[in-house]
Structures are given as structure tokens and as C-alpha cells.
C-alpha atoms as a PDB file:
ATOM      1  CA  MET A   1     -79.786  14.159 -38.730  1.00  0.00           C
ATOM      2  CA  GLU A   2     -81.556  15.654 -41.740  1.00  0.00           C
ATOM      3  CA  GLN A   3     -78.966  17.034 -44.185  1.00  0.00           C
ATOM      4  CA  SER A   4     -80.818  20.343 -44.499  1.00  0.00           C
ATOM      5  CA  TYR A   5     -80.582  20.756 -40.720  1.00  0.00           C
ATOM      6  CA  ALA A   6     -76.958  19.682 -40.328  1.00  0.00           C
ATOM      7  CA  GLN A   7     -75.380  22.952 -41.461  1.00  0.00           C
ATOM      8  CA  HIS A   8     -77.784  24.984 -39.350  1.00  0.00           C
ATOM      9  CA  TYR A   9     -76.907  22.736 -36.413  1.00  0.00           C
ATOM     10  CA  ALA A  10     -73.206  23.493 -36.939  1.00  0.00           C
ATOM     11  CA  LEU A  11     -73.879  27.195 -36.635  1.00  0.00           C
ATOM     12  CA  LEU A  12     -76.004  26.700 -33.527  1.00  0.00           C
ATOM     13  CA  GLU A  13     -73.256  24.727 -31.745  1.00  0.00           C
ATOM     14  CA  GLY A  14     -70.991  27.760 -31.855  1.00  0.00           C
ATOM     15  CA  GLU A  15     -73.444  30.333 -30.535  1.00  0.00           C
ATOM     16  CA  HIS A  16     -76.450  28.789 -28.840  1.00  0.00           C
ATOM     17  CA  TRP A  17     -76.509  28.932 -25.043  1.00  0.00           C
ATOM     18  CA  TRP A  18     -77.323  25.223 -24.644  1.00  0.00           C
ATOM     19  CA  PHE A  19     -74.311  23.970 -26.547  1.00  0.00           C
ATOM     20  CA  ARG A  20     -71.944  26.518 -25.017  1.00  0.00           C
ATOM     21  CA  ALA A  21     -73.076  25.801 -21.461  1.00  0.00           C
ATOM     22  CA  ARG A  22     -73.010  22.043 -22.019  1.00  0.00           C
ATOM     23  CA  ARG A  23     -69.362  22.314 -23.084  1.00  0.00           C
ATOM     24  CA  VAL A  24     -68.532  24.262 -19.916  1.00  0.00           C
ATOM     25  CA  ILE A  25     -70.231  21.614 -17.758  1.00  0.00           C
ATOM     26  CA  LEU A  26     -68.620  18.667 -19.568  1.00  0.00           C
ATOM     27  CA  ARG A  27     -65.171  20.243 -19.285  1.00  0.00           C
ATOM     28  CA  ASP A  28     -65.631  20.641 -15.549  1.00  0.00           C
ATOM     29  CA  LEU A  29     -66.921  17.085 -15.145  1.00  0.00           C
ATOM     30  CA  LEU A  30     -64.099  15.548 -17.168  1.00  0.00           C
ATOM     31  CA  ALA A  31     -61.557  17.520 -15.112  1.00  0.00           C
ATOM     32  CA  GLN A  32     -62.828  15.762 -11.967  1.00  0.00           C
ATOM     33  CA  PHE A  33     -61.658  12.341 -13.177  1.00  0.00           C
ATOM     34  CA  LYS A  34     -58.136  10.959 -12.845  1.00  0.00           C
ATOM     35  CA  TRP A  35     -56.652  10.500 -16.292  1.00  0.00           C
ATOM     36  CA  PRO A  36     -53.261   9.034 -17.255  1.00  0.00           C
ATOM     37  CA  GLN A  37     -50.648  11.390 -18.596  1.00  0.00           C
ATOM     38  CA  ARG A  38     -51.346  12.313 -22.212  1.00  0.00           C
ATOM     39  CA  PRO A  39     -54.498  10.211 -22.393  1.00  0.00           C
ATOM     40  CA  ARG A  40     -55.596   9.016 -25.805  1.00  0.00           C
ATOM     41  CA  ILE A  41     -59.241   9.969 -26.178  1.00  0.00           C
ATOM     42  CA  LEU A  42     -61.631   9.324 -29.041  1.00  0.00           C
ATOM     43  CA  GLU A  43     -64.803  11.359 -29.395  1.00  0.00           C
ATOM     44  CA  ILE A  44     -67.565   9.587 -31.356  1.00  0.00           C
ATOM     45  CA  GLY A  45     -69.989  11.944 -33.064  1.00  0.00           C
ATOM     46  CA  VAL A  46     -67.918  15.140 -32.952  1.00  0.00           C
ATOM     47  CA  GLY A  47     -70.364  17.186 -35.028  1.00  0.00           C
ATOM     48  CA  PRO A  48     -68.654  20.400 -36.151  1.00  0.00           C
ATOM     49  CA  GLY A  49     -65.887  19.866 -33.602  1.00  0.00           C
ATOM     50  CA  TYR A  50     -66.318  22.473 -30.903  1.00  0.00           C
ATOM     51  CA  SER A  51     -66.027  20.015 -28.040  1.00  0.00           C
ATOM     52  CA  LEU A  52     -62.683  18.703 -29.363  1.00  0.00           C
ATOM     53  CA  LEU A  53     -61.282  22.162 -28.661  1.00  0.00           C
ATOM     54  CA  GLU A  54     -62.937  22.910 -25.351  1.00  0.00           C
ATOM     55  CA  VAL A  55     -63.771  20.005 -23.011  1.00  0.00           C
ATOM     56  CA  TYR A  56     -60.711  17.730 -22.679  1.00  0.00           C
ATOM     57  CA  PRO A  57     -57.591  17.660 -20.499  1.00  0.00           C
ATOM     58  CA  PRO A  58     -54.983  19.973 -22.066  1.00  0.00           C
ATOM     59  CA  ASP A  59     -52.453  17.182 -22.581  1.00  0.00           C
ATOM     60  CA  ALA A  60     -54.955  14.765 -24.187  1.00  0.00           C
ATOM     61  CA  CYS A  61     -54.175  13.147 -27.554  1.00  0.00           C
ATOM     62  CA  LEU A  62     -57.478  13.564 -29.340  1.00  0.00           C
ATOM     63  CA  GLU A  63     -59.137  11.924 -32.311  1.00  0.00           C
ATOM     64  CA  GLY A  64     -62.712  12.181 -33.540  1.00  0.00           C
ATOM     65  CA  VAL A  65     -65.149  10.346 -35.738  1.00  0.00           C
ATOM     66  CA  GLU A  66     -68.312  11.767 -37.311  1.00  0.00           C
ATOM     67  CA  PRO A  67     -70.741  10.045 -39.732  1.00  0.00           C
ATOM     68  CA  ASP A  68     -71.814  13.247 -41.489  1.00  0.00           C
ATOM     69  CA  GLN A  69     -69.337  14.181 -44.182  1.00  0.00           C
ATOM     70  CA  GLY A  70     -69.925  17.901 -44.028  1.00  0.00           C
ATOM     71  CA  LEU A  71     -69.669  18.077 -40.231  1.00  0.00           C
ATOM     72  CA  ALA A  72     -66.559  15.863 -40.249  1.00  0.00           C
ATOM     73  CA  ARG A  73     -64.927  18.288 -42.653  1.00  0.00           C
ATOM     74  CA  LEU A  74     -65.775  21.261 -40.470  1.00  0.00           C
ATOM     75  CA  ALA A  75     -64.396  19.496 -37.378  1.00  0.00           C
ATOM     76  CA  ALA A  76     -61.165  18.586 -39.132  1.00  0.00           C
ATOM     77  CA  LYS A  77     -60.603  22.234 -40.045  1.00  0.00           C
ATOM     78  CA  ARG A  78     -61.058  23.467 -36.470  1.00  0.00           C
ATOM     79  CA  GLY A  79     -57.977  22.073 -34.794  1.00  0.00           C
ATOM     80  CA  PRO A  80     -55.081  19.679 -34.671  1.00  0.00           C
ATOM     81  CA  ALA A  81     -57.156  16.583 -33.758  1.00  0.00           C
ATOM     82  CA  ALA A  82     -57.552  14.021 -36.543  1.00  0.00           C
ATOM     83  CA  VAL A  83     -61.221  13.583 -37.518  1.00  0.00           C
ATOM     84  CA  PHE A  84     -62.475  10.633 -39.576  1.00  0.00           C
ATOM     85  CA  GLN A  85     -65.773  10.405 -41.432  1.00  0.00           C
ATOM     86  CA  ALA A  86     -67.445   7.115 -40.523  1.00  0.00           C
ATOM     87  CA  PRO A  87     -70.297   5.624 -38.497  1.00  0.00           C
ATOM     88  CA  ILE A  88     -69.501   3.795 -35.262  1.00  0.00           C
ATOM     89  CA  ASP A  89     -70.007   0.352 -36.792  1.00  0.00           C
ATOM     90  CA  GLN A  90     -67.605   1.062 -39.684  1.00  0.00           C
ATOM     91  CA  LEU A  91     -64.615   2.634 -37.960  1.00  0.00           C
ATOM     92  CA  PRO A  92     -61.634   3.309 -40.266  1.00  0.00           C
ATOM     93  CA  PRO A  93     -58.388   1.321 -39.949  1.00  0.00           C
ATOM     94  CA  GLU A  94     -56.685   4.203 -38.192  1.00  0.00           C
ATOM     95  CA  ILE A  95     -59.101   3.738 -35.316  1.00  0.00           C
ATOM     96  CA  GLN A  96     -59.584   0.002 -35.591  1.00  0.00           C
ATOM     97  CA  ASP A  97     -55.878  -0.508 -34.945  1.00  0.00           C
ATOM     98  CA  ARG A  98     -55.760   1.571 -31.766  1.00  0.00           C
ATOM     99  CA  SER A  99     -57.072   1.411 -28.213  1.00  0.00           C
ATOM    100  CA  TYR A 100     -58.005   4.358 -26.021  1.00  0.00           C
ATOM    101  CA  ASP A 101     -57.880   5.604 -22.437  1.00  0.00           C
ATOM    102  CA  GLY A 102     -61.202   7.324 -22.981  1.00  0.00           C
ATOM    103  CA  ILE A 103     -64.075   7.376 -25.473  1.00  0.00           C
ATOM    104  CA  THR A 104     -66.764  10.038 -25.331  1.00  0.00           C
ATOM    105  CA  MET A 105     -70.241  10.279 -26.859  1.00  0.00           C
ATOM    106  CA  PHE A 106     -71.989  13.575 -26.179  1.00  0.00           C
ATOM    107  CA  ASP A 107     -75.673  13.364 -27.171  1.00  0.00           C
ATOM    108  CA  VAL A 108     -74.860  10.630 -29.683  1.00  0.00           C
ATOM    109  CA  LEU A 109     -76.092   7.321 -28.264  1.00  0.00           C
ATOM    110  CA  GLU A 110     -79.751   8.283 -28.684  1.00  0.00           C
ATOM    111  CA  HIS A 111     -79.192   8.510 -32.476  1.00  0.00           C
ATOM    112  CA  ILE A 112     -78.020   4.894 -32.781  1.00  0.00           C
ATOM    113  CA  GLN A 113     -80.634   2.247 -33.440  1.00  0.00           C
ATOM    114  CA  ASP A 114     -78.757  -0.524 -31.611  1.00  0.00           C
ATOM    115  CA  ASP A 115     -77.305   1.354 -28.665  1.00  0.00           C
ATOM    116  CA  GLY A 116     -76.265  -1.903 -26.932  1.00  0.00           C
ATOM    117  CA  ASP A 117     -74.107  -2.888 -29.882  1.00  0.00           C
ATOM    118  CA  ALA A 118     -72.580   0.601 -29.950  1.00  0.00           C
ATOM    119  CA  LEU A 119     -71.574   0.299 -26.303  1.00  0.00           C
ATOM    120  CA  GLN A 120     -70.024  -3.087 -26.997  1.00  0.00           C
ATOM    121  CA  ILE A 121     -67.909  -1.509 -29.760  1.00  0.00           C
ATOM    122  CA  VAL A 122     -66.766   1.182 -27.352  1.00  0.00           C
ATOM    123  CA  HIS A 123     -65.915  -1.439 -24.766  1.00  0.00           C
ATOM    124  CA  ARG A 124     -63.663  -3.293 -27.247  1.00  0.00           C
ATOM    125  CA  LYS A 125     -61.842  -0.092 -28.207  1.00  0.00           C
ATOM    126  CA  LEU A 126     -60.980   0.892 -24.618  1.00  0.00           C
ATOM    127  CA  ARG A 127     -57.849  -0.173 -22.810  1.00  0.00           C
ATOM    128  CA  PRO A 128     -58.341  -2.091 -19.524  1.00  0.00           C
ATOM    129  CA  GLY A 129     -59.548   0.463 -17.024  1.00  0.00           C
ATOM    130  CA  GLY A 130     -60.450   2.850 -19.856  1.00  0.00           C
ATOM    131  CA  ARG A 131     -63.407   5.186 -19.413  1.00  0.00           C
ATOM    132  CA  ILE A 132     -66.513   5.879 -21.437  1.00  0.00           C
ATOM    133  CA  VAL A 133     -68.077   9.333 -20.849  1.00  0.00           C
ATOM    134  CA  LEU A 134     -71.440  10.222 -22.372  1.00  0.00           C
ATOM    135  CA  SER A 135     -74.463  12.453 -22.204  1.00  0.00           C
ATOM    136  CA  VAL A 136     -77.947  11.667 -23.454  1.00  0.00           C
ATOM    137  CA  PRO A 137     -81.392  13.322 -23.346  1.00  0.00           C
ATOM    138  CA  ALA A 138     -83.625  12.329 -20.404  1.00  0.00           C
ATOM    139  CA  TYR A 139     -87.155  10.932 -20.132  1.00  0.00           C
ATOM    140  CA  ASN A 140     -89.216   9.605 -22.984  1.00  0.00           C
ATOM    141  CA  TRP A 141     -92.150  11.671 -21.744  1.00  0.00           C
ATOM    142  CA  LEU A 142     -90.146  14.751 -22.774  1.00  0.00           C
ATOM    143  CA  TRP A 143     -90.163  13.560 -26.374  1.00  0.00           C
ATOM    144  CA  GLY A 144     -90.777  16.498 -28.722  1.00  0.00           C
ATOM    145  CA  GLN A 145     -90.049  18.056 -32.101  1.00  0.00           C
ATOM    146  CA  GLN A 146     -86.378  18.411 -31.125  1.00  0.00           C
ATOM    147  CA  ASP A 147     -86.113  14.613 -30.986  1.00  0.00           C
ATOM    148  CA  ILE A 148     -87.855  14.249 -34.338  1.00  0.00           C
ATOM    149  CA  VAL A 149     -85.673  16.810 -36.100  1.00  0.00           C
ATOM    150  CA  ASN A 150     -82.514  15.225 -34.725  1.00  0.00           C
ATOM    151  CA  GLN A 151     -83.750  11.722 -35.569  1.00  0.00           C
ATOM    152  CA  HIS A 152     -83.476  10.393 -32.020  1.00  0.00           C
ATOM    153  CA  CYS A 153     -84.362   6.767 -31.367  1.00  0.00           C
ATOM    154  CA  ARG A 154     -85.077   7.184 -27.653  1.00  0.00           C
ATOM    155  CA  ARG A 155     -84.467   9.172 -24.506  1.00  0.00           C
ATOM    156  CA  TYR A 156     -83.083   7.701 -21.264  1.00  0.00           C
ATOM    157  CA  THR A 157     -83.416   7.679 -17.511  1.00  0.00           C
ATOM    158  CA  LEU A 158     -80.586   7.133 -15.078  1.00  0.00           C
ATOM    159  CA  ARG A 159     -81.773   3.556 -14.640  1.00  0.00           C
ATOM    160  CA  THR A 160     -82.126   2.660 -18.316  1.00  0.00           C
ATOM    161  CA  LEU A 161     -78.700   4.095 -19.174  1.00  0.00           C
ATOM    162  CA  ARG A 162     -77.122   2.278 -16.188  1.00  0.00           C
ATOM    163  CA  ASP A 163     -78.650  -0.984 -17.333  1.00  0.00           C
ATOM    164  CA  LYS A 164     -77.293  -0.485 -20.857  1.00  0.00           C
ATOM    165  CA  LEU A 165     -73.791   0.252 -19.578  1.00  0.00           C
ATOM    166  CA  GLN A 166     -73.723  -2.643 -17.179  1.00  0.00           C
ATOM    167  CA  ALA A 167     -74.996  -5.019 -19.886  1.00  0.00           C
ATOM    168  CA  ALA A 168     -71.972  -3.932 -21.927  1.00  0.00           C
ATOM    169  CA  ASN A 169     -69.645  -4.861 -19.007  1.00  0.00           C
ATOM    170  CA  PHE A 170     -68.963  -1.340 -17.767  1.00  0.00           C
ATOM    171  CA  ALA A 171     -68.584  -0.500 -14.099  1.00  0.00           C
ATOM    172  CA  ILE A 172     -70.430   2.743 -13.273  1.00  0.00           C
ATOM    173  CA  GLU A 173     -68.126   5.514 -12.043  1.00  0.00           C
ATOM    174  CA  ARG A 174     -70.601   8.399 -11.904  1.00  0.00           C
ATOM    175  CA  MET A 175     -74.097   9.162 -13.109  1.00  0.00           C
ATOM    176  CA  THR A 176     -76.197  12.299 -12.663  1.00  0.00           C
ATOM    177  CA  TYR A 177     -78.900  14.302 -14.322  1.00  0.00           C
ATOM    178  CA  PHE A 178     -78.069  17.809 -15.430  1.00  0.00           C
ATOM    179  CA  ASN A 179     -79.767  20.796 -17.085  1.00  0.00           C
ATOM    180  CA  THR A 180     -81.816  20.782 -13.931  1.00  0.00           C
ATOM    181  CA  PHE A 181     -82.340  24.494 -13.265  1.00  0.00           C
ATOM    182  CA  LEU A 182     -84.169  24.900 -16.597  1.00  0.00           C
ATOM    183  CA  PHE A 183     -86.059  21.630 -16.286  1.00  0.00           C
ATOM    184  CA  PRO A 184     -89.408  23.168 -15.127  1.00  0.00           C
ATOM    185  CA  PRO A 185     -89.908  25.568 -18.086  1.00  0.00           C
ATOM    186  CA  ILE A 186     -88.594  23.047 -20.640  1.00  0.00           C
ATOM    187  CA  ALA A 187     -90.901  20.317 -19.303  1.00  0.00           C
ATOM    188  CA  ALA A 188     -93.817  22.780 -19.207  1.00  0.00           C
ATOM    189  CA  VAL A 189     -93.344  23.729 -22.847  1.00  0.00           C
ATOM    190  CA  ARG A 190     -93.050  20.101 -23.961  1.00  0.00           C
ATOM    191  CA  LEU A 191     -96.173  19.051 -22.033  1.00  0.00           C
ATOM    192  CA  ALA A 192     -98.178  22.098 -23.047  1.00  0.00           C
ATOM    193  CA  THR A 193     -97.419  21.419 -26.692  1.00  0.00           C
ATOM    194  CA  ARG A 194     -98.637  17.855 -26.280  1.00  0.00           C
ATOM    195  CA  VAL A 195    -101.766  18.690 -24.300  1.00  0.00           C
ATOM    196  CA  THR A 196    -102.911  21.540 -26.558  1.00  0.00           C
ATOM    197  CA  ARG A 197    -101.779  19.681 -29.680  1.00  0.00           C
ATOM    198  CA  ARG A 198    -100.223  22.883 -30.875  1.00  0.00           C
ATOM    199  CA  GLN A 199     -98.073  22.386 -33.943  1.00  0.00           C
ATOM    200  CA  PRO A 200     -94.442  22.554 -32.705  1.00  0.00           C
ATOM    201  CA  ALA A 201     -91.833  24.607 -34.531  1.00  0.00           C
ATOM    202  CA  GLU A 202     -90.211  22.651 -37.336  1.00  0.00           C
ATOM    203  CA  GLU A 203     -86.713  23.417 -36.049  1.00  0.00           C
ATOM    204  CA  GLY A 204     -87.431  22.164 -32.528  1.00  0.00           C
ATOM    205  CA  ASP A 205     -86.596  23.881 -29.254  1.00  0.00           C
ATOM    206  CA  PHE A 206     -83.995  26.225 -30.729  1.00  0.00           C
ATOM    207  CA  THR A 207     -86.761  28.437 -32.157  1.00  0.00           C
ATOM    208  CA  TYR A 208     -88.083  29.147 -28.646  1.00  0.00           C
ATOM    209  CA  VAL A 209     -84.925  31.012 -27.640  1.00  0.00           C
ATOM    210  CA  ARG A 210     -83.703  34.116 -29.438  1.00  0.00           C
ATOM    211  CA  ARG A 211     -80.307  35.740 -29.225  1.00  0.00           C
ATOM    212  CA  PRO A 212     -81.148  38.403 -26.571  1.00  0.00           C
ATOM    213  CA  SER A 213     -81.766  35.687 -24.004  1.00  0.00           C
ATOM    214  CA  ASN A 214     -78.600  33.711 -24.861  1.00  0.00           C
ATOM    215  CA  ALA A 215     -76.412  35.299 -22.186  1.00  0.00           C
ATOM    216  CA  ALA A 216     -78.850  34.814 -19.304  1.00  0.00           C
ATOM    217  CA  LEU A 217     -79.708  31.215 -20.179  1.00  0.00           C
ATOM    218  CA  PHE A 218     -76.047  30.375 -20.726  1.00  0.00           C
ATOM    219  CA  THR A 219     -75.117  31.753 -17.293  1.00  0.00           C
ATOM    220  CA  LEU A 220     -77.912  29.842 -15.558  1.00  0.00           C
ATOM    221  CA  PHE A 221     -77.238  26.525 -17.249  1.00  0.00           C
ATOM    222  CA  ALA A 222     -73.438  26.789 -16.975  1.00  0.00           C
ATOM    223  CA  SER A 223     -73.660  27.566 -13.251  1.00  0.00           C
ATOM    224  CA  GLU A 224     -74.692  23.936 -12.646  1.00  0.00           C
ATOM    225  CA  ARG A 225     -71.012  23.008 -12.989  1.00  0.00           C
ATOM    226  CA  VAL A 226     -70.311  24.430  -9.514  1.00  0.00           C
ATOM    227  CA  PHE A 227     -72.957  22.243  -7.867  1.00  0.00           C
ATOM    228  CA  LEU A 228     -71.947  19.156  -9.845  1.00  0.00           C
ATOM    229  CA  ARG A 229     -68.556  19.322  -8.142  1.00  0.00           C
ATOM    230  CA  TYR A 230     -70.242  18.348  -4.895  1.00  0.00           C
ATOM    231  CA  PHE A 231     -73.385  16.313  -5.594  1.00  0.00           C
ATOM    232  CA  ASP A 232     -75.529  14.711  -8.265  1.00  0.00           C
ATOM    233  CA  PHE A 233     -78.856  16.121  -9.441  1.00  0.00           C
ATOM    234  CA  PRO A 234     -81.950  13.893  -9.007  1.00  0.00           C
ATOM    235  CA  PHE A 235     -83.597  15.026 -12.243  1.00  0.00           C
ATOM    236  CA  GLY A 236     -82.873  17.063 -15.330  1.00  0.00           C
ATOM    237  CA  VAL A 237     -83.257  17.346 -19.082  1.00  0.00           C
ATOM    238  CA  SER A 238     -80.066  15.365 -19.711  1.00  0.00           C
ATOM    239  CA  VAL A 239     -78.141  12.443 -18.185  1.00  0.00           C
ATOM    240  CA  PHE A 240     -74.381  12.334 -17.730  1.00  0.00           C
ATOM    241  CA  ALA A 241     -72.524   9.061 -17.167  1.00  0.00           C
ATOM    242  CA  ALA A 242     -68.974   7.858 -16.783  1.00  0.00           C
ATOM    243  CA  ALA A 243     -68.089   4.188 -16.550  1.00  0.00           C
ATOM    244  CA  LEU A 244     -64.933   2.035 -16.598  1.00  0.00           C
ATOM    245  CA  LYS A 245     -64.093  -1.005 -18.711  1.00  0.00           C
ATOM    246  CA  GLU A 246     -64.137  -4.025 -16.452  1.00  0.00           C
END
């Protein structure tokens, strides 16, 4: 992520409808899985740390790692979870010496050049039967300014992410698209920008939504959690996956 954008991103995570609704959905999805008592969970790429406070089982023992120094500092200030500043391929000794019941990566894998190697690192850090939980952006044809600003390497489909997880010796537990209700307008904007060759906003999609619409868009996106309790979505702007260490 560009340094000039990182601090702005931290502010957005607290207020923007997309981040807030995503946390609501992830919390609901994580609650559907069976976890051991007091599970030890590591979040890779915590950003400014909001998810550490909001999405995990209440008895979880949480730790986080974040490559950006400024964001890692913000995350460490937000709560009791220990947060370390490091990239995934240079984990500090405190993490190297431990194993985990769960490791999460929420919109992180797409930033990593060698995503297969990253998944292998996660596999080694999990206890037998441990769970990886992650979300990633969907469909390369939705590539836009948001991906450029955030320095994404790729977007995924259900199939490409499944293949990556299985190649890293994970057994798929659940996969689904989400951010489905808003898929039509988001896709229309991305495609229209490409067809008309209109110069996209430098800050990406966040400029298209102003504060007055935050509440309505949050409610619509967050409502997907109810449907995800019963079935998987066949398409969406994002992909959710959970898989177990074999």
C-alpha cells in the first residue's frame, strides 16, 4: 500500500460502510465454525486493528502481524492483542515459536506476490486440524483503480482460490462469494470506466460513496450475513474461504 494512502485507509476502516459491514459478516461467519476453547488465533495483515476487536470468538487469544509500521502501531494501541510489525515471510520469533488454532487473512493474500508460498507458511504455523480463514477480491475482470491504489497482485475466483488452498495441503471447509447484493452496480461502474476510458478517481472506489449514503449501504451489505447462515452465494465482489490443515 502506498504510504500516503495508508493513514487515509486507517480512517476509512473505522467509518466506511464496506469495512464496517465486512466485519459484521466475518464475525457471523467465524461464529458458525466450531473452535476449541480459548483458541489461539493469528491475524495476518491486521491494518489499523479494527477486526481484532470485532470479529473473533470472545474467548480467543489473539495476536496480529502487520507489515506497515504505522498501521501496526495503531493496531497495537487499540486493544489487548499483541501486534507485531513484520511481513509474512519474516515473522518475528514470538510468532515463529508458536502454533495456532486459526490464522486469518482478510483481503491480504491479493497483496502478496507469491501467494502460494504465503499459504505454505500459514500451513506450517497451524496446529493439526487448524483453520485458515480468508477473504479476497473476486474476478480479474473487475480490476480497477482500487486494485492499483492498494497494490493488488491479482483477484480470485472460487476455483482459483480453491486450487491455491488445495495445493498448499488444505482441505476446504467452506467457500462462498459475498458482497453480492451490491455486485450489479459495482460491476457496472468498473465496466463503464473501462469502456468509456474515463479517468478513474485516484483514491479508488471510496470516492464514489459519500457519508450520507453510508448507513443505507452498510445495512444492505451487512444483511448478507443472514443469508450466509443458510447458503452460499454464486457470485459477488469478494470471496470467503475457510479450510483445515490436513
